[in-house]
Amino acid sequence: MIPNDDDRSLIHELSAAEIARVVCLDCGVNVIEIGDYCMLSPKVWRDQLGLGWDDNLCIACIEKQLGRKLKGLHDICPFRPSKATEGRTR
């Protein structure tokens, strides 16, 4: 079954406690509250920055640690459709 836009059953909503702990390891800003986050490729996140699954950095601190600006799809993890989103159009 492919959900429609009204079906939110497959979307995980974060609790206040979960949101509160999503802070940048460098500057301490809450990356969810300010909307300053992205999913980086494992090559960048793990291999270049040495970070784990539960670590968080804001985009400014990512770029500071890398010593360069992010390069779009080269650095950002590509979206891979799941069975839940396969075939959906926006």
PDB file of N, CA and C in Angstrom:
ATOM      1  N   MET A   1       0.842  -1.186   0.000  1.00  0.00           N
ATOM      2  CA  MET A   1       0.000   0.000   0.000  1.00  0.00           C
ATOM      3  C   MET A   1       0.882   1.243   0.000  1.00  0.00           C
ATOM      4  N   ILE A   2       0.580   2.162  -0.877  1.00  0.00           N
ATOM      5  CA  ILE A   2       1.308   3.426  -0.937  1.00  0.00           C
ATOM      6  C   ILE A   2       0.461   4.473  -0.220  1.00  0.00           C
ATOM      7  N   PRO A   3       1.012   5.109   0.812  1.00  0.00           N
ATOM      8  CA  PRO A   3       0.226   6.103   1.555  1.00  0.00           C
ATOM      9  C   PRO A   3      -0.004   7.357   0.728  1.00  0.00           C
ATOM     10  N   ASN A   4      -1.140   8.013   0.974  1.00  0.00           N
ATOM     11  CA  ASN A   4      -1.373   9.308   0.336  1.00  0.00           C
ATOM     12  C   ASN A   4      -0.929  10.401   1.289  1.00  0.00           C
ATOM     13  N   ASP A   5      -1.060  11.653   0.874  1.00  0.00           N
ATOM     14  CA  ASP A   5      -0.574  12.760   1.703  1.00  0.00           C
ATOM     15  C   ASP A   5      -1.297  12.881   3.035  1.00  0.00           C
ATOM     16  N   ASP A   6      -2.510  12.299   3.138  1.00  0.00           N
ATOM     17  CA  ASP A   6      -3.252  12.364   4.391  1.00  0.00           C
ATOM     18  C   ASP A   6      -2.844  11.267   5.366  1.00  0.00           C
ATOM     19  N   ASP A   7      -2.120  10.238   4.893  1.00  0.00           N
ATOM     20  CA  ASP A   7      -1.712   9.128   5.734  1.00  0.00           C
ATOM     21  C   ASP A   7      -0.356   9.427   6.349  1.00  0.00           C
ATOM     22  N   ARG A   8      -0.347   9.786   7.602  1.00  0.00           N
ATOM     23  CA  ARG A   8       0.891  10.134   8.301  1.00  0.00           C
ATOM     24  C   ARG A   8       1.380   8.983   9.177  1.00  0.00           C
ATOM     25  N   SER A   9       0.788   7.780   9.023  1.00  0.00           N
ATOM     26  CA  SER A   9       1.126   6.662   9.897  1.00  0.00           C
ATOM     27  C   SER A   9       2.574   6.213   9.739  1.00  0.00           C
ATOM     28  N   LEU A  10       3.209   6.488   8.607  1.00  0.00           N
ATOM     29  CA  LEU A  10       4.581   6.057   8.392  1.00  0.00           C
ATOM     30  C   LEU A  10       5.601   7.126   8.773  1.00  0.00           C
ATOM     31  N   ILE A  11       5.123   8.280   9.224  1.00  0.00           N
ATOM     32  CA  ILE A  11       6.012   9.374   9.592  1.00  0.00           C
ATOM     33  C   ILE A  11       6.240   9.343  11.100  1.00  0.00           C
ATOM     34  N   HIS A  12       7.498   9.326  11.493  1.00  0.00           N
ATOM     35  CA  HIS A  12       7.843   9.342  12.909  1.00  0.00           C
ATOM     36  C   HIS A  12       7.923  10.793  13.368  1.00  0.00           C
ATOM     37  N   GLU A  13       7.093  11.151  14.312  1.00  0.00           N
ATOM     38  CA  GLU A  13       7.156  12.501  14.863  1.00  0.00           C
ATOM     39  C   GLU A  13       8.031  12.458  16.108  1.00  0.00           C
ATOM     40  N   LEU A  14       8.960  13.389  16.178  1.00  0.00           N
ATOM     41  CA  LEU A  14       9.883  13.441  17.305  1.00  0.00           C
ATOM     42  C   LEU A  14       9.209  14.031  18.533  1.00  0.00           C
ATOM     43  N   SER A  15       9.510  13.455  19.676  1.00  0.00           N
ATOM     44  CA  SER A  15       9.011  14.000  20.938  1.00  0.00           C
ATOM     45  C   SER A  15       9.843  15.230  21.310  1.00  0.00           C
ATOM     46  N   ALA A  16       9.371  15.994  22.268  1.00  0.00           N
ATOM     47  CA  ALA A  16      10.110  17.176  22.736  1.00  0.00           C
ATOM     48  C   ALA A  16      11.483  16.764  23.276  1.00  0.00           C
ATOM     49  N   ALA A  17      11.554  15.610  23.952  1.00  0.00           N
ATOM     50  CA  ALA A  17      12.831  15.135  24.496  1.00  0.00           C
ATOM     51  C   ALA A  17      13.804  14.768  23.366  1.00  0.00           C
ATOM     52  N   GLU A  18      13.284  14.142  22.298  1.00  0.00           N
ATOM     53  CA  GLU A  18      14.143  13.788  21.166  1.00  0.00           C
ATOM     54  C   GLU A  18      14.669  15.039  20.467  1.00  0.00           C
ATOM     55  N   ILE A  19      13.809  16.022  20.276  1.00  0.00           N
ATOM     56  CA  ILE A  19      14.226  17.277  19.639  1.00  0.00           C
ATOM     57  C   ILE A  19      15.259  17.995  20.501  1.00  0.00           C
ATOM     58  N   ALA A  20      15.072  17.996  21.804  1.00  0.00           N
ATOM     59  CA  ALA A  20      15.967  18.711  22.718  1.00  0.00           C
ATOM     60  C   ALA A  20      17.397  18.181  22.676  1.00  0.00           C
ATOM     61  N   ARG A  21      17.583  16.918  22.330  1.00  0.00           N
ATOM     62  CA  ARG A  21      18.941  16.373  22.345  1.00  0.00           C
ATOM     63  C   ARG A  21      19.628  16.386  20.981  1.00  0.00           C
ATOM     64  N   VAL A  22      19.017  17.001  19.979  1.00  0.00           N
ATOM     65  CA  VAL A  22      19.619  17.056  18.646  1.00  0.00           C
ATOM     66  C   VAL A  22      20.360  18.378  18.494  1.00  0.00           C
ATOM     67  N   VAL A  23      21.491  18.463  19.193  1.00  0.00           N
ATOM     68  CA  VAL A  23      22.277  19.690  19.194  1.00  0.00           C
ATOM     69  C   VAL A  23      23.614  19.467  18.497  1.00  0.00           C
ATOM     70  N   CYS A  24      24.128  20.523  17.917  1.00  0.00           N
ATOM     71  CA  CYS A  24      25.425  20.488  17.249  1.00  0.00           C
ATOM     72  C   CYS A  24      26.511  20.223  18.286  1.00  0.00           C
ATOM     73  N   LEU A  25      27.377  19.268  18.000  1.00  0.00           N
ATOM     74  CA  LEU A  25      28.459  18.919  18.917  1.00  0.00           C
ATOM     75  C   LEU A  25      29.472  20.050  19.095  1.00  0.00           C
ATOM     76  N   ASP A  26      29.570  20.933  18.090  1.00  0.00           N
ATOM     77  CA  ASP A  26      30.556  22.020  18.164  1.00  0.00           C
ATOM     78  C   ASP A  26      30.002  23.280  18.817  1.00  0.00           C
ATOM     79  N   CYS A  27      28.900  23.809  18.270  1.00  0.00           N
ATOM     80  CA  CYS A  27      28.408  25.110  18.749  1.00  0.00           C
ATOM     81  C   CYS A  27      27.208  25.020  19.686  1.00  0.00           C
ATOM     82  N   GLY A  28      26.568  23.844  19.769  1.00  0.00           N
ATOM     83  CA  GLY A  28      25.471  23.647  20.713  1.00  0.00           C
ATOM     84  C   GLY A  28      24.098  24.066  20.229  1.00  0.00           C
ATOM     85  N   VAL A  29      23.972  24.578  19.009  1.00  0.00           N
ATOM     86  CA  VAL A  29      22.671  24.989  18.493  1.00  0.00           C
ATOM     87  C   VAL A  29      21.821  23.746  18.231  1.00  0.00           C
ATOM     88  N   ASN A  30      20.505  23.847  18.451  1.00  0.00           N
ATOM     89  CA  ASN A  30      19.606  22.738  18.165  1.00  0.00           C
ATOM     90  C   ASN A  30      19.317  22.744  16.667  1.00  0.00           C
ATOM     91  N   VAL A  31      19.823  21.742  15.954  1.00  0.00           N
ATOM     92  CA  VAL A  31      19.750  21.738  14.496  1.00  0.00           C
ATOM     93  C   VAL A  31      18.329  21.555  13.972  1.00  0.00           C
ATOM     94  N   ILE A  32      17.444  20.906  14.726  1.00  0.00           N
ATOM     95  CA  ILE A  32      16.060  20.749  14.290  1.00  0.00           C
ATOM     96  C   ILE A  32      15.293  22.044  14.470  1.00  0.00           C
ATOM     97  N   GLU A  33      15.450  22.689  15.615  1.00  0.00           N
ATOM     98  CA  GLU A  33      14.716  23.926  15.880  1.00  0.00           C
ATOM     99  C   GLU A  33      15.030  25.014  14.865  1.00  0.00           C
ATOM    100  N   ILE A  34      16.287  25.081  14.402  1.00  0.00           N
ATOM    101  CA  ILE A  34      16.626  26.124  13.429  1.00  0.00           C
ATOM    102  C   ILE A  34      16.578  25.626  11.987  1.00  0.00           C
ATOM    103  N   GLY A  35      16.289  24.320  11.811  1.00  0.00           N
ATOM    104  CA  GLY A  35      16.178  23.765  10.461  1.00  0.00           C
ATOM    105  C   GLY A  35      17.508  23.710   9.728  1.00  0.00           C
ATOM    106  N   ASP A  36      18.583  23.518  10.455  1.00  0.00           N
ATOM    107  CA  ASP A  36      19.925  23.545   9.874  1.00  0.00           C
ATOM    108  C   ASP A  36      20.559  22.159   9.942  1.00  0.00           C
ATOM    109  N   TYR A  37      20.046  21.257   9.110  1.00  0.00           N
ATOM    110  CA  TYR A  37      20.564  19.902   9.114  1.00  0.00           C
ATOM    111  C   TYR A  37      20.430  19.281   7.730  1.00  0.00           C
ATOM    112  N   CYS A  38      21.192  18.237   7.492  1.00  0.00           N
ATOM    113  CA  CYS A  38      21.113  17.467   6.250  1.00  0.00           C
ATOM    114  C   CYS A  38      21.662  16.081   6.532  1.00  0.00           C
ATOM    115  N   MET A  39      21.445  15.166   5.625  1.00  0.00           N
ATOM    116  CA  MET A  39      21.972  13.809   5.756  1.00  0.00           C
ATOM    117  C   MET A  39      23.180  13.696   4.848  1.00  0.00           C
ATOM    118  N   LEU A  40      24.343  13.551   5.438  1.00  0.00           N
ATOM    119  CA  LEU A  40      25.574  13.453   4.647  1.00  0.00           C
ATOM    120  C   LEU A  40      25.882  12.005   4.288  1.00  0.00           C
ATOM    121  N   SER A  41      26.616  11.840   3.233  1.00  0.00           N
ATOM    122  CA  SER A  41      27.035  10.495   2.832  1.00  0.00           C
ATOM    123  C   SER A  41      27.951   9.926   3.907  1.00  0.00           C
ATOM    124  N   PRO A  42      27.963   8.603   4.064  1.00  0.00           N
ATOM    125  CA  PRO A  42      28.863   7.993   5.041  1.00  0.00           C
ATOM    126  C   PRO A  42      30.329   8.328   4.772  1.00  0.00           C
ATOM    127  N   LYS A  43      30.686   8.516   3.515  1.00  0.00           N
ATOM    128  CA  LYS A  43      32.068   8.870   3.178  1.00  0.00           C
ATOM    129  C   LYS A  43      32.473  10.174   3.866  1.00  0.00           C
ATOM    130  N   VAL A  44      31.568  11.144   3.914  1.00  0.00           N
ATOM    131  CA  VAL A  44      31.866  12.423   4.565  1.00  0.00           C
ATOM    132  C   VAL A  44      31.670  12.306   6.072  1.00  0.00           C
ATOM    133  N   TRP A  45      30.488  11.840   6.506  1.00  0.00           N
ATOM    134  CA  TRP A  45      30.126  11.832   7.927  1.00  0.00           C
ATOM    135  C   TRP A  45      31.058  10.945   8.748  1.00  0.00           C
ATOM    136  N   ARG A  46      31.218   9.741   8.323  1.00  0.00           N
ATOM    137  CA  ARG A  46      32.013   8.775   9.079  1.00  0.00           C
ATOM    138  C   ARG A  46      33.502   8.865   8.746  1.00  0.00           C
ATOM    139  N   ASP A  47      33.813   8.815   7.451  1.00  0.00           N
ATOM    140  CA  ASP A  47      35.216   8.698   7.042  1.00  0.00           C
ATOM    141  C   ASP A  47      35.995  10.012   7.165  1.00  0.00           C
ATOM    142  N   GLN A  48      35.398  11.123   6.757  1.00  0.00           N
ATOM    143  CA  GLN A  48      36.118  12.400   6.812  1.00  0.00           C
ATOM    144  C   GLN A  48      35.967  13.104   8.152  1.00  0.00           C
ATOM    145  N   LEU A  49      34.758  13.048   8.743  1.00  0.00           N
ATOM    146  CA  LEU A  49      34.534  13.764   9.996  1.00  0.00           C
ATOM    147  C   LEU A  49      34.675  12.867  11.229  1.00  0.00           C
ATOM    148  N   GLY A  50      34.655  11.545  11.038  1.00  0.00           N
ATOM    149  CA  GLY A  50      34.806  10.615  12.150  1.00  0.00           C
ATOM    150  C   GLY A  50      33.624  10.593  13.098  1.00  0.00           C
ATOM    151  N   LEU A  51      32.427  10.848  12.570  1.00  0.00           N
ATOM    152  CA  LEU A  51      31.233  10.933  13.403  1.00  0.00           C
ATOM    153  C   LEU A  51      30.401   9.667  13.322  1.00  0.00           C
ATOM    154  N   GLY A  52      29.573   9.458  14.339  1.00  0.00           N
ATOM    155  CA  GLY A  52      28.711   8.294  14.413  1.00  0.00           C
ATOM    156  C   GLY A  52      27.261   8.631  14.170  1.00  0.00           C
ATOM    157  N   TRP A  53      26.422   7.614  14.229  1.00  0.00           N
ATOM    158  CA  TRP A  53      24.998   7.736  13.938  1.00  0.00           C
ATOM    159  C   TRP A  53      24.296   8.750  14.845  1.00  0.00           C
ATOM    160  N   ASP A  54      24.654   8.818  16.101  1.00  0.00           N
ATOM    161  CA  ASP A  54      23.986   9.710  17.058  1.00  0.00           C
ATOM    162  C   ASP A  54      24.611  11.096  17.150  1.00  0.00           C
ATOM    163  N   ASP A  55      25.640  11.370  16.378  1.00  0.00           N
ATOM    164  CA  ASP A  55      26.296  12.676  16.408  1.00  0.00           C
ATOM    165  C   ASP A  55      25.542  13.667  15.515  1.00  0.00           C
ATOM    166  N   ASN A  56      25.639  14.949  15.853  1.00  0.00           N
ATOM    167  CA  ASN A  56      24.996  16.007  15.084  1.00  0.00           C
ATOM    168  C   ASN A  56      25.922  17.203  14.940  1.00  0.00           C
ATOM    169  N   LEU A  57      25.902  17.797  13.766  1.00  0.00           N
ATOM    170  CA  LEU A  57      26.590  19.059  13.515  1.00  0.00           C
ATOM    171  C   LEU A  57      25.675  19.937  12.675  1.00  0.00           C
ATOM    172  N   CYS A  58      25.691  21.239  12.935  1.00  0.00           N
ATOM    173  CA  CYS A  58      24.970  22.157  12.060  1.00  0.00           C
ATOM    174  C   CYS A  58      25.782  22.302  10.762  1.00  0.00           C
ATOM    175  N   ILE A  59      25.169  22.821   9.735  1.00  0.00           N
ATOM    176  CA  ILE A  59      25.835  22.929   8.434  1.00  0.00           C
ATOM    177  C   ILE A  59      27.079  23.812   8.514  1.00  0.00           C
ATOM    178  N   ALA A  60      26.998  24.908   9.264  1.00  0.00           N
ATOM    179  CA  ALA A  60      28.164  25.794   9.394  1.00  0.00           C
ATOM    180  C   ALA A  60      29.346  25.066  10.028  1.00  0.00           C
ATOM    181  N   CYS A  61      29.088  24.249  11.040  1.00  0.00           N
ATOM    182  CA  CYS A  61      30.180  23.517  11.702  1.00  0.00           C
ATOM    183  C   CYS A  61      30.689  22.370  10.836  1.00  0.00           C
ATOM    184  N   ILE A  62      29.814  21.753  10.046  1.00  0.00           N
ATOM    185  CA  ILE A  62      30.268  20.734   9.090  1.00  0.00           C
ATOM    186  C   ILE A  62      31.267  21.367   8.133  1.00  0.00           C
ATOM    187  N   GLU A  63      30.881  22.509   7.553  1.00  0.00           N
ATOM    188  CA  GLU A  63      31.748  23.184   6.588  1.00  0.00           C
ATOM    189  C   GLU A  63      33.040  23.666   7.234  1.00  0.00           C
ATOM    190  N   LYS A  64      32.958  24.097   8.483  1.00  0.00           N
ATOM    191  CA  LYS A  64      34.160  24.528   9.206  1.00  0.00           C
ATOM    192  C   LYS A  64      35.111  23.349   9.403  1.00  0.00           C
ATOM    193  N   GLN A  65      34.578  22.197   9.808  1.00  0.00           N
ATOM    194  CA  GLN A  65      35.431  21.023  10.020  1.00  0.00           C
ATOM    195  C   GLN A  65      36.012  20.500   8.714  1.00  0.00           C
ATOM    196  N   LEU A  66      35.209  20.553   7.631  1.00  0.00           N
ATOM    197  CA  LEU A  66      35.709  20.098   6.330  1.00  0.00           C
ATOM    198  C   LEU A  66      36.685  21.089   5.707  1.00  0.00           C
ATOM    199  N   GLY A  67      36.590  22.355   6.110  1.00  0.00           N
ATOM    200  CA  GLY A  67      37.423  23.395   5.527  1.00  0.00           C
ATOM    201  C   GLY A  67      36.963  23.810   4.134  1.00  0.00           C
ATOM    202  N   ARG A  68      35.674  23.555   3.852  1.00  0.00           N
ATOM    203  CA  ARG A  68      35.107  23.899   2.546  1.00  0.00           C
ATOM    204  C   ARG A  68      33.583  23.866   2.633  1.00  0.00           C
ATOM    205  N   LYS A  69      32.932  24.408   1.622  1.00  0.00           N
ATOM    206  CA  LYS A  69      31.468  24.351   1.514  1.00  0.00           C
ATOM    207  C   LYS A  69      31.046  22.940   1.106  1.00  0.00           C
ATOM    208  N   LEU A  70      29.841  22.551   1.480  1.00  0.00           N
ATOM    209  CA  LEU A  70      29.293  21.273   1.018  1.00  0.00           C
ATOM    210  C   LEU A  70      29.074  21.331  -0.480  1.00  0.00           C
ATOM    211  N   LYS A  71      29.215  20.190  -1.134  1.00  0.00           N
ATOM    212  CA  LYS A  71      29.131  20.128  -2.595  1.00  0.00           C
ATOM    213  C   LYS A  71      27.874  19.409  -3.087  1.00  0.00           C
ATOM    214  N   GLY A  72      26.749  19.722  -2.531  1.00  0.00           N
ATOM    215  CA  GLY A  72      25.489  19.141  -3.008  1.00  0.00           C
ATOM    216  C   GLY A  72      25.479  17.628  -2.966  1.00  0.00           C
ATOM    217  N   LEU A  73      25.077  17.019  -4.067  1.00  0.00           N
ATOM    218  CA  LEU A  73      24.921  15.571  -4.104  1.00  0.00           C
ATOM    219  C   LEU A  73      26.225  14.815  -3.921  1.00  0.00           C
ATOM    220  N   HIS A  74      27.346  15.476  -4.097  1.00  0.00           N
ATOM    221  CA  HIS A  74      28.638  14.827  -3.856  1.00  0.00           C
ATOM    222  C   HIS A  74      28.807  14.500  -2.373  1.00  0.00           C
ATOM    223  N   ASP A  75      28.312  15.366  -1.508  1.00  0.00           N
ATOM    224  CA  ASP A  75      28.455  15.196  -0.068  1.00  0.00           C
ATOM    225  C   ASP A  75      27.187  14.701   0.619  1.00  0.00           C
ATOM    226  N   ILE A  76      26.047  15.097   0.098  1.00  0.00           N
ATOM    227  CA  ILE A  76      24.774  14.790   0.747  1.00  0.00           C
ATOM    228  C   ILE A  76      24.294  13.418   0.312  1.00  0.00           C
ATOM    229  N   CYS A  77      23.784  12.673   1.266  1.00  0.00           N
ATOM    230  CA  CYS A  77      23.316  11.315   1.016  1.00  0.00           C
ATOM    231  C   CYS A  77      22.122  11.357   0.065  1.00  0.00           C
ATOM    232  N   PRO A  78      22.180  10.629  -1.035  1.00  0.00           N
ATOM    233  CA  PRO A  78      21.070  10.645  -1.986  1.00  0.00           C
ATOM    234  C   PRO A  78      19.838   9.967  -1.414  1.00  0.00           C
ATOM    235  N   PHE A  79      18.675  10.445  -1.822  1.00  0.00           N
ATOM    236  CA  PHE A  79      17.408   9.856  -1.400  1.00  0.00           C
ATOM    237  C   PHE A  79      17.207   8.553  -2.145  1.00  0.00           C
ATOM    238  N   ARG A  80      16.956   7.510  -1.392  1.00  0.00           N
ATOM    239  CA  ARG A  80      16.653   6.213  -1.996  1.00  0.00           C
ATOM    240  C   ARG A  80      15.220   5.859  -1.604  1.00  0.00           C
ATOM    241  N   PRO A  81      14.332   5.750  -2.584  1.00  0.00           N
ATOM    242  CA  PRO A  81      12.938   5.457  -2.258  1.00  0.00           C
ATOM    243  C   PRO A  81      12.802   4.154  -1.478  1.00  0.00           C
ATOM    244  N   SER A  82      11.936   4.179  -0.499  1.00  0.00           N
ATOM    245  CA  SER A  82      11.618   2.964   0.248  1.00  0.00           C
ATOM    246  C   SER A  82      10.339   2.387  -0.339  1.00  0.00           C
ATOM    247  N   LYS A  83       9.938   1.230   0.135  1.00  0.00           N
ATOM    248  CA  LYS A  83       8.681   0.634  -0.345  1.00  0.00           C
ATOM    249  C   LYS A  83       7.501   1.554  -0.016  1.00  0.00           C
ATOM    250  N   ALA A  84       7.598   2.313   1.068  1.00  0.00           N
ATOM    251  CA  ALA A  84       6.514   3.201   1.470  1.00  0.00           C
ATOM    252  C   ALA A  84       6.373   4.399   0.529  1.00  0.00           C
ATOM    253  N   THR A  85       7.470   4.838  -0.086  1.00  0.00           N
ATOM    254  CA  THR A  85       7.406   6.026  -0.928  1.00  0.00           C
ATOM    255  C   THR A  85       7.528   5.715  -2.400  1.00  0.00           C
ATOM    256  N   GLU A  86       7.824   4.484  -2.732  1.00  0.00           N
ATOM    257  CA  GLU A  86       8.020   4.096  -4.118  1.00  0.00           C
ATOM    258  C   GLU A  86       6.788   4.424  -4.959  1.00  0.00           C
ATOM    259  N   GLY A  87       7.010   5.093  -6.071  1.00  0.00           N
ATOM    260  CA  GLY A  87       5.914   5.409  -6.975  1.00  0.00           C
ATOM    261  C   GLY A  87       5.136   6.656  -6.639  1.00  0.00           C
ATOM    262  N   ARG A  88       5.431   7.303  -5.532  1.00  0.00           N
ATOM    263  CA  ARG A  88       4.726   8.529  -5.150  1.00  0.00           C
ATOM    264  C   ARG A  88       5.250   9.697  -5.950  1.00  0.00           C
ATOM    265  N   THR A  89       4.389  10.602  -6.263  1.00  0.00           N
ATOM    266  CA  THR A  89       4.801  11.841  -6.918  1.00  0.00           C
ATOM    267  C   THR A  89       4.411  12.992  -6.029  1.00  0.00           C
ATOM    268  N   ARG A  90       5.125  14.071  -6.153  1.00  0.00           N
ATOM    269  CA  ARG A  90       4.826  15.280  -5.367  1.00  0.00           C
ATOM    270  C   ARG A  90       4.455  16.380  -6.280  1.00  0.00           C
TER     271      ARG A  90
END
